[in-house]
């Protein structure tokens, strides 16, 4: 059974082109912490609440769907 995400943190948005891209980090039900991915905020966006209750696979699929929608627009 896959663990659900109980906490999520999205790092700060870049202030200039040299800053790191925002990273999505989560905490699972068992207390394990993991950095899931970074993303380009000029293409897609997330809120921390979107990840609560998802599994890791579901969270990665959420990013995939948003990337795909952006590329197809």
PDB file of N, CA and C in Angstrom:
ATOM      1  N   UNK A   1       0.840  -1.174   0.000  1.00  0.00           N
ATOM      2  CA  UNK A   1       0.000   0.000   0.000  1.00  0.00           C
ATOM      3  C   UNK A   1       0.888   1.240   0.000  1.00  0.00           C
ATOM      4  N   UNK A   2       0.578   2.184  -0.852  1.00  0.00           N
ATOM      5  CA  UNK A   2       1.358   3.410  -0.957  1.00  0.00           C
ATOM      6  C   UNK A   2       0.967   4.396   0.137  1.00  0.00           C
ATOM      7  N   UNK A   3       1.974   5.052   0.671  1.00  0.00           N
ATOM      8  CA  UNK A   3       1.762   6.058   1.706  1.00  0.00           C
ATOM      9  C   UNK A   3       1.187   7.330   1.092  1.00  0.00           C
ATOM     10  N   UNK A   4       0.319   7.967   1.847  1.00  0.00           N
ATOM     11  CA  UNK A   4      -0.283   9.237   1.421  1.00  0.00           C
ATOM     12  C   UNK A   4       0.562  10.397   1.937  1.00  0.00           C
ATOM     13  N   UNK A   5       0.502  11.500   1.205  1.00  0.00           N
ATOM     14  CA  UNK A   5       1.192  12.719   1.590  1.00  0.00           C
ATOM     15  C   UNK A   5       0.359  13.424   2.656  1.00  0.00           C
ATOM     16  N   UNK A   6       1.026  13.822   3.750  1.00  0.00           N
ATOM     17  CA  UNK A   6       0.326  14.520   4.832  1.00  0.00           C
ATOM     18  C   UNK A   6       0.788  15.968   4.977  1.00  0.00           C
ATOM     19  N   UNK A   7       1.948  16.284   4.432  1.00  0.00           N
ATOM     20  CA  UNK A   7       2.463  17.655   4.450  1.00  0.00           C
ATOM     21  C   UNK A   7       3.161  17.922   3.131  1.00  0.00           C
ATOM     22  N   UNK A   8       3.116  19.181   2.717  1.00  0.00           N
ATOM     23  CA  UNK A   8       3.792  19.573   1.481  1.00  0.00           C
ATOM     24  C   UNK A   8       4.385  20.958   1.671  1.00  0.00           C
ATOM     25  N   UNK A   9       5.541  21.154   1.084  1.00  0.00           N
ATOM     26  CA  UNK A   9       6.172  22.475   1.079  1.00  0.00           C
ATOM     27  C   UNK A   9       6.664  22.766  -0.337  1.00  0.00           C
ATOM     28  N   UNK A  10       6.332  23.949  -0.830  1.00  0.00           N
ATOM     29  CA  UNK A  10       6.833  24.405  -2.124  1.00  0.00           C
ATOM     30  C   UNK A  10       7.783  25.561  -1.830  1.00  0.00           C
ATOM     31  N   UNK A  11       9.013  25.429  -2.290  1.00  0.00           N
ATOM     32  CA  UNK A  11      10.018  26.457  -2.010  1.00  0.00           C
ATOM     33  C   UNK A  11       9.695  27.760  -2.745  1.00  0.00           C
ATOM     34  N   UNK A  12      10.426  28.795  -2.402  1.00  0.00           N
ATOM     35  CA  UNK A  12      10.177  30.137  -2.936  1.00  0.00           C
ATOM     36  C   UNK A  12      10.322  30.202  -4.459  1.00  0.00           C
ATOM     37  N   UNK A  13       9.549  31.103  -5.031  1.00  0.00           N
ATOM     38  CA  UNK A  13       9.639  31.348  -6.465  1.00  0.00           C
ATOM     39  C   UNK A  13      10.950  32.074  -6.766  1.00  0.00           C
ATOM     40  N   UNK A  14      11.531  31.820  -7.928  1.00  0.00           N
ATOM     41  CA  UNK A  14      12.784  32.499  -8.268  1.00  0.00           C
ATOM     42  C   UNK A  14      12.565  34.003  -8.448  1.00  0.00           C
ATOM     43  N   UNK A  15      13.526  34.786  -7.991  1.00  0.00           N
ATOM     44  CA  UNK A  15      13.446  36.239  -8.148  1.00  0.00           C
ATOM     45  C   UNK A  15      14.126  36.692  -9.433  1.00  0.00           C
ATOM     46  N   UNK A  16      15.043  35.864  -9.933  1.00  0.00           N
ATOM     47  CA  UNK A  16      15.720  36.181 -11.191  1.00  0.00           C
ATOM     48  C   UNK A  16      16.089  34.876 -11.884  1.00  0.00           C
ATOM     49  N   UNK A  17      16.683  34.976 -13.045  1.00  0.00           N
ATOM     50  CA  UNK A  17      16.958  33.772 -13.837  1.00  0.00           C
ATOM     51  C   UNK A  17      18.058  32.882 -13.249  1.00  0.00           C
ATOM     52  N   UNK A  18      18.755  33.363 -12.223  1.00  0.00           N
ATOM     53  CA  UNK A  18      19.824  32.581 -11.620  1.00  0.00           C
ATOM     54  C   UNK A  18      19.382  31.820 -10.370  1.00  0.00           C
ATOM     55  N   UNK A  19      18.197  32.128  -9.857  1.00  0.00           N
ATOM     56  CA  UNK A  19      17.662  31.420  -8.692  1.00  0.00           C
ATOM     57  C   UNK A  19      17.205  30.020  -9.085  1.00  0.00           C
ATOM     58  N   UNK A  20      17.185  29.129  -8.092  1.00  0.00           N
ATOM     59  CA  UNK A  20      16.684  27.774  -8.324  1.00  0.00           C
ATOM     60  C   UNK A  20      15.182  27.802  -8.578  1.00  0.00           C
ATOM     61  N   UNK A  21      14.715  26.846  -9.352  1.00  0.00           N
ATOM     62  CA  UNK A  21      13.283  26.694  -9.592  1.00  0.00           C
ATOM     63  C   UNK A  21      12.620  26.194  -8.308  1.00  0.00           C
ATOM     64  N   UNK A  22      11.314  26.460  -8.145  1.00  0.00           N
ATOM     65  CA  UNK A  22      10.612  25.969  -6.952  1.00  0.00           C
ATOM     66  C   UNK A  22      10.659  24.435  -6.882  1.00  0.00           C
ATOM     67  N   UNK A  23      10.807  23.926  -5.672  1.00  0.00           N
ATOM     68  CA  UNK A  23      10.827  22.485  -5.445  1.00  0.00           C
ATOM     69  C   UNK A  23       9.635  22.085  -4.587  1.00  0.00           C
ATOM     70  N   UNK A  24       9.063  20.937  -4.910  1.00  0.00           N
ATOM     71  CA  UNK A  24       7.968  20.370  -4.124  1.00  0.00           C
ATOM     72  C   UNK A  24       8.547  19.259  -3.255  1.00  0.00           C
ATOM     73  N   UNK A  25       8.452  19.448  -1.948  1.00  0.00           N
ATOM     74  CA  UNK A  25       8.907  18.454  -0.978  1.00  0.00           C
ATOM     75  C   UNK A  25       7.717  18.040  -0.126  1.00  0.00           C
ATOM     76  N   UNK A  26       7.679  16.757   0.230  1.00  0.00           N
ATOM     77  CA  UNK A  26       6.519  16.236   0.956  1.00  0.00           C
ATOM     78  C   UNK A  26       6.938  15.389   2.148  1.00  0.00           C
ATOM     79  N   UNK A  27       5.974  15.179   3.040  1.00  0.00           N
ATOM     80  CA  UNK A  27       6.109  14.245   4.158  1.00  0.00           C
ATOM     81  C   UNK A  27       4.975  13.238   4.022  1.00  0.00           C
ATOM     82  N   UNK A  28       5.310  11.956   4.128  1.00  0.00           N
ATOM     83  CA  UNK A  28       4.324  10.888   4.015  1.00  0.00           C
ATOM     84  C   UNK A  28       3.796  10.481   5.387  1.00  0.00           C
ATOM     85  N   UNK A  29       2.738   9.679   5.376  1.00  0.00           N
ATOM     86  CA  UNK A  29       2.090   9.220   6.611  1.00  0.00           C
ATOM     87  C   UNK A  29       3.061   8.589   7.604  1.00  0.00           C
ATOM     88  N   UNK A  30       4.071   7.910   7.082  1.00  0.00           N
ATOM     89  CA  UNK A  30       5.026   7.227   7.965  1.00  0.00           C
ATOM     90  C   UNK A  30       6.148   8.145   8.445  1.00  0.00           C
ATOM     91  N   UNK A  31       6.082   9.437   8.092  1.00  0.00           N
ATOM     92  CA  UNK A  31       7.090  10.398   8.517  1.00  0.00           C
ATOM     93  C   UNK A  31       8.237  10.585   7.540  1.00  0.00           C
ATOM     94  N   UNK A  32       8.288   9.754   6.505  1.00  0.00           N
ATOM     95  CA  UNK A  32       9.354   9.881   5.508  1.00  0.00           C
ATOM     96  C   UNK A  32       9.207  11.192   4.743  1.00  0.00           C
ATOM     97  N   UNK A  33      10.356  11.835   4.493  1.00  0.00           N
ATOM     98  CA  UNK A  33      10.371  13.090   3.753  1.00  0.00           C
ATOM     99  C   UNK A  33      11.032  12.856   2.404  1.00  0.00           C
ATOM    100  N   UNK A  34      10.515  13.554   1.374  1.00  0.00           N
ATOM    101  CA  UNK A  34      11.079  13.360   0.038  1.00  0.00           C
ATOM    102  C   UNK A  34      10.894  14.612  -0.804  1.00  0.00           C
ATOM    103  N   UNK A  35      11.918  14.948  -1.572  1.00  0.00           N
ATOM    104  CA  UNK A  35      11.813  15.995  -2.578  1.00  0.00           C
ATOM    105  C   UNK A  35      11.272  15.316  -3.834  1.00  0.00           C
ATOM    106  N   UNK A  36      10.113  15.760  -4.308  1.00  0.00           N
ATOM    107  CA  UNK A  36       9.497  15.100  -5.457  1.00  0.00           C
ATOM    108  C   UNK A  36      10.010  15.631  -6.790  1.00  0.00           C
ATOM    109  N   UNK A  37      10.006  16.950  -6.966  1.00  0.00           N
ATOM    110  CA  UNK A  37      10.432  17.516  -8.241  1.00  0.00           C
ATOM    111  C   UNK A  37      10.560  19.029  -8.127  1.00  0.00           C
ATOM    112  N   UNK A  38      11.175  19.614  -9.149  1.00  0.00           N
ATOM    113  CA  UNK A  38      11.131  21.061  -9.292  1.00  0.00           C
ATOM    114  C   UNK A  38      10.349  21.341 -10.580  1.00  0.00           C
ATOM    115  N   UNK A  39      10.008  22.601 -10.796  1.00  0.00           N
ATOM    116  CA  UNK A  39       9.198  22.937 -11.969  1.00  0.00           C
ATOM    117  C   UNK A  39       9.425  24.385 -12.379  1.00  0.00           C
ATOM    118  N   UNK A  40       9.011  24.700 -13.590  1.00  0.00           N
ATOM    119  CA  UNK A  40       9.128  26.050 -14.136  1.00  0.00           C
ATOM    120  C   UNK A  40       7.842  26.811 -13.842  1.00  0.00           C
ATOM    121  N   UNK A  41       7.880  27.775 -12.931  1.00  0.00           N
ATOM    122  CA  UNK A  41       6.653  28.463 -12.515  1.00  0.00           C
ATOM    123  C   UNK A  41       6.040  29.367 -13.580  1.00  0.00           C
ATOM    124  N   UNK A  42       6.773  29.631 -14.655  1.00  0.00           N
ATOM    125  CA  UNK A  42       6.180  30.400 -15.746  1.00  0.00           C
ATOM    126  C   UNK A  42       5.364  29.503 -16.678  1.00  0.00           C
ATOM    127  N   UNK A  43       5.419  28.196 -16.437  1.00  0.00           N
ATOM    128  CA  UNK A  43       4.677  27.236 -17.260  1.00  0.00           C
ATOM    129  C   UNK A  43       3.514  26.602 -16.500  1.00  0.00           C
ATOM    130  N   UNK A  44       3.767  26.172 -15.274  1.00  0.00           N
ATOM    131  CA  UNK A  44       2.738  25.521 -14.461  1.00  0.00           C
ATOM    132  C   UNK A  44       2.829  26.036 -13.027  1.00  0.00           C
ATOM    133  N   UNK A  45       1.785  25.808 -12.249  1.00  0.00           N
ATOM    134  CA  UNK A  45       1.805  26.231 -10.846  1.00  0.00           C
ATOM    135  C   UNK A  45       1.122  25.173  -9.984  1.00  0.00           C
ATOM    136  N   UNK A  46       1.434  25.219  -8.713  1.00  0.00           N
ATOM    137  CA  UNK A  46       0.879  24.290  -7.735  1.00  0.00           C
ATOM    138  C   UNK A  46       0.579  25.036  -6.449  1.00  0.00           C
ATOM    139  N   UNK A  47      -0.325  24.477  -5.670  1.00  0.00           N
ATOM    140  CA  UNK A  47      -0.515  24.909  -4.291  1.00  0.00           C
ATOM    141  C   UNK A  47      -0.216  23.695  -3.417  1.00  0.00           C
ATOM    142  N   UNK A  48       0.253  23.953  -2.229  1.00  0.00           N
ATOM    143  CA  UNK A  48       0.620  22.858  -1.331  1.00  0.00           C
ATOM    144  C   UNK A  48      -0.562  21.938  -1.051  1.00  0.00           C
ATOM    145  N   UNK A  49      -1.756  22.508  -0.962  1.00  0.00           N
ATOM    146  CA  UNK A  49      -2.941  21.708  -0.632  1.00  0.00           C
ATOM    147  C   UNK A  49      -3.290  20.686  -1.711  1.00  0.00           C
ATOM    148  N   UNK A  50      -2.846  20.897  -2.939  1.00  0.00           N
ATOM    149  CA  UNK A  50      -3.135  19.937  -4.021  1.00  0.00           C
ATOM    150  C   UNK A  50      -2.527  18.567  -3.756  1.00  0.00           C
ATOM    151  N   UNK A  51      -1.470  18.514  -2.969  1.00  0.00           N
ATOM    152  CA  UNK A  51      -0.734  17.268  -2.769  1.00  0.00           C
ATOM    153  C   UNK A  51      -1.196  16.462  -1.555  1.00  0.00           C
ATOM    154  N   UNK A  52      -1.891  17.106  -0.636  1.00  0.00           N
ATOM    155  CA  UNK A  52      -2.326  16.422   0.584  1.00  0.00           C
ATOM    156  C   UNK A  52      -3.306  15.299   0.232  1.00  0.00           C
ATOM    157  N   UNK A  53      -3.010  14.100   0.714  1.00  0.00           N
ATOM    158  CA  UNK A  53      -3.861  12.945   0.464  1.00  0.00           C
ATOM    159  C   UNK A  53      -3.489  12.140  -0.765  1.00  0.00           C
ATOM    160  N   UNK A  54      -2.540  12.645  -1.562  1.00  0.00           N
ATOM    161  CA  UNK A  54      -2.107  11.904  -2.747  1.00  0.00           C
ATOM    162  C   UNK A  54      -0.975  10.951  -2.391  1.00  0.00           C
ATOM    163  N   UNK A  55      -0.791   9.935  -3.201  1.00  0.00           N
ATOM    164  CA  UNK A  55       0.391   9.090  -3.101  1.00  0.00           C
ATOM    165  C   UNK A  55       1.495   9.747  -3.928  1.00  0.00           C
ATOM    166  N   UNK A  56       2.710   9.238  -3.823  1.00  0.00           N
ATOM    167  CA  UNK A  56       3.807   9.782  -4.625  1.00  0.00           C
ATOM    168  C   UNK A  56       3.492   9.657  -6.115  1.00  0.00           C
ATOM    169  N   UNK A  57       2.989   8.506  -6.519  1.00  0.00           N
ATOM    170  CA  UNK A  57       2.666   8.297  -7.933  1.00  0.00           C
ATOM    171  C   UNK A  57       1.591   9.282  -8.406  1.00  0.00           C
ATOM    172  N   UNK A  58       0.592   9.527  -7.571  1.00  0.00           N
ATOM    173  CA  UNK A  58      -0.466  10.474  -7.937  1.00  0.00           C
ATOM    174  C   UNK A  58       0.074  11.902  -8.032  1.00  0.00           C
ATOM    175  N   UNK A  59       0.999  12.251  -7.136  1.00  0.00           N
ATOM    176  CA  UNK A  59       1.599  13.591  -7.166  1.00  0.00           C
ATOM    177  C   UNK A  59       2.429  13.774  -8.432  1.00  0.00           C
ATOM    178  N   UNK A  60       3.200  12.764  -8.797  1.00  0.00           N
ATOM    179  CA  UNK A  60       3.993  12.851 -10.025  1.00  0.00           C
ATOM    180  C   UNK A  60       3.095  12.889 -11.252  1.00  0.00           C
ATOM    181  N   UNK A  61       1.981  12.187 -11.205  1.00  0.00           N
ATOM    182  CA  UNK A  61       1.024  12.217 -12.302  1.00  0.00           C
ATOM    183  C   UNK A  61       0.372  13.597 -12.423  1.00  0.00           C
ATOM    184  N   UNK A  62       0.145  14.264 -11.312  1.00  0.00           N
ATOM    185  CA  UNK A  62      -0.399  15.619 -11.328  1.00  0.00           C
ATOM    186  C   UNK A  62       0.551  16.546 -12.079  1.00  0.00           C
ATOM    187  N   UNK A  63       1.845  16.450 -11.800  1.00  0.00           N
ATOM    188  CA  UNK A  63       2.832  17.263 -12.519  1.00  0.00           C
ATOM    189  C   UNK A  63       2.811  16.921 -14.004  1.00  0.00           C
ATOM    190  N   UNK A  64       2.779  15.646 -14.322  1.00  0.00           N
ATOM    191  CA  UNK A  64       2.748  15.205 -15.718  1.00  0.00           C
ATOM    192  C   UNK A  64       1.544  15.803 -16.448  1.00  0.00           C
ATOM    193  N   UNK A  65       0.369  15.733 -15.821  1.00  0.00           N
ATOM    194  CA  UNK A  65      -0.845  16.257 -16.462  1.00  0.00           C
ATOM    195  C   UNK A  65      -0.761  17.765 -16.688  1.00  0.00           C
ATOM    196  N   UNK A  66      -0.216  18.497 -15.716  1.00  0.00           N
ATOM    197  CA  UNK A  66      -0.082  19.946 -15.876  1.00  0.00           C
ATOM    198  C   UNK A  66       0.943  20.283 -16.948  1.00  0.00           C
ATOM    199  N   UNK A  67       2.061  19.549 -16.979  1.00  0.00           N
ATOM    200  CA  UNK A  67       3.058  19.755 -18.041  1.00  0.00           C
ATOM    201  C   UNK A  67       2.449  19.486 -19.411  1.00  0.00           C
ATOM    202  N   UNK A  68       1.738  18.398 -19.511  1.00  0.00           N
ATOM    203  CA  UNK A  68       1.113  18.015 -20.795  1.00  0.00           C
ATOM    204  C   UNK A  68       0.115  19.072 -21.249  1.00  0.00           C
ATOM    205  N   UNK A  69      -0.729  19.546 -20.331  1.00  0.00           N
ATOM    206  CA  UNK A  69      -1.715  20.582 -20.675  1.00  0.00           C
ATOM    207  C   UNK A  69      -1.010  21.852 -21.145  1.00  0.00           C
ATOM    208  N   UNK A  70       0.088  22.230 -20.480  1.00  0.00           N
ATOM    209  CA  UNK A  70       0.832  23.418 -20.900  1.00  0.00           C
ATOM    210  C   UNK A  70       1.412  23.232 -22.298  1.00  0.00           C
ATOM    211  N   UNK A  71       2.015  22.090 -22.552  1.00  0.00           N
ATOM    212  CA  UNK A  71       2.642  21.838 -23.856  1.00  0.00           C
ATOM    213  C   UNK A  71       1.622  21.755 -24.988  1.00  0.00           C
ATOM    214  N   UNK A  72       0.412  21.357 -24.664  1.00  0.00           N
ATOM    215  CA  UNK A  72      -0.621  21.244 -25.687  1.00  0.00           C
ATOM    216  C   UNK A  72      -1.400  22.546 -25.889  1.00  0.00           C
ATOM    217  N   UNK A  73      -1.144  23.539 -25.051  1.00  0.00           N
ATOM    218  CA  UNK A  73      -1.895  24.804 -25.182  1.00  0.00           C
ATOM    219  C   UNK A  73      -1.292  25.723 -26.226  1.00  0.00           C
TER     220      UNK A  73
END
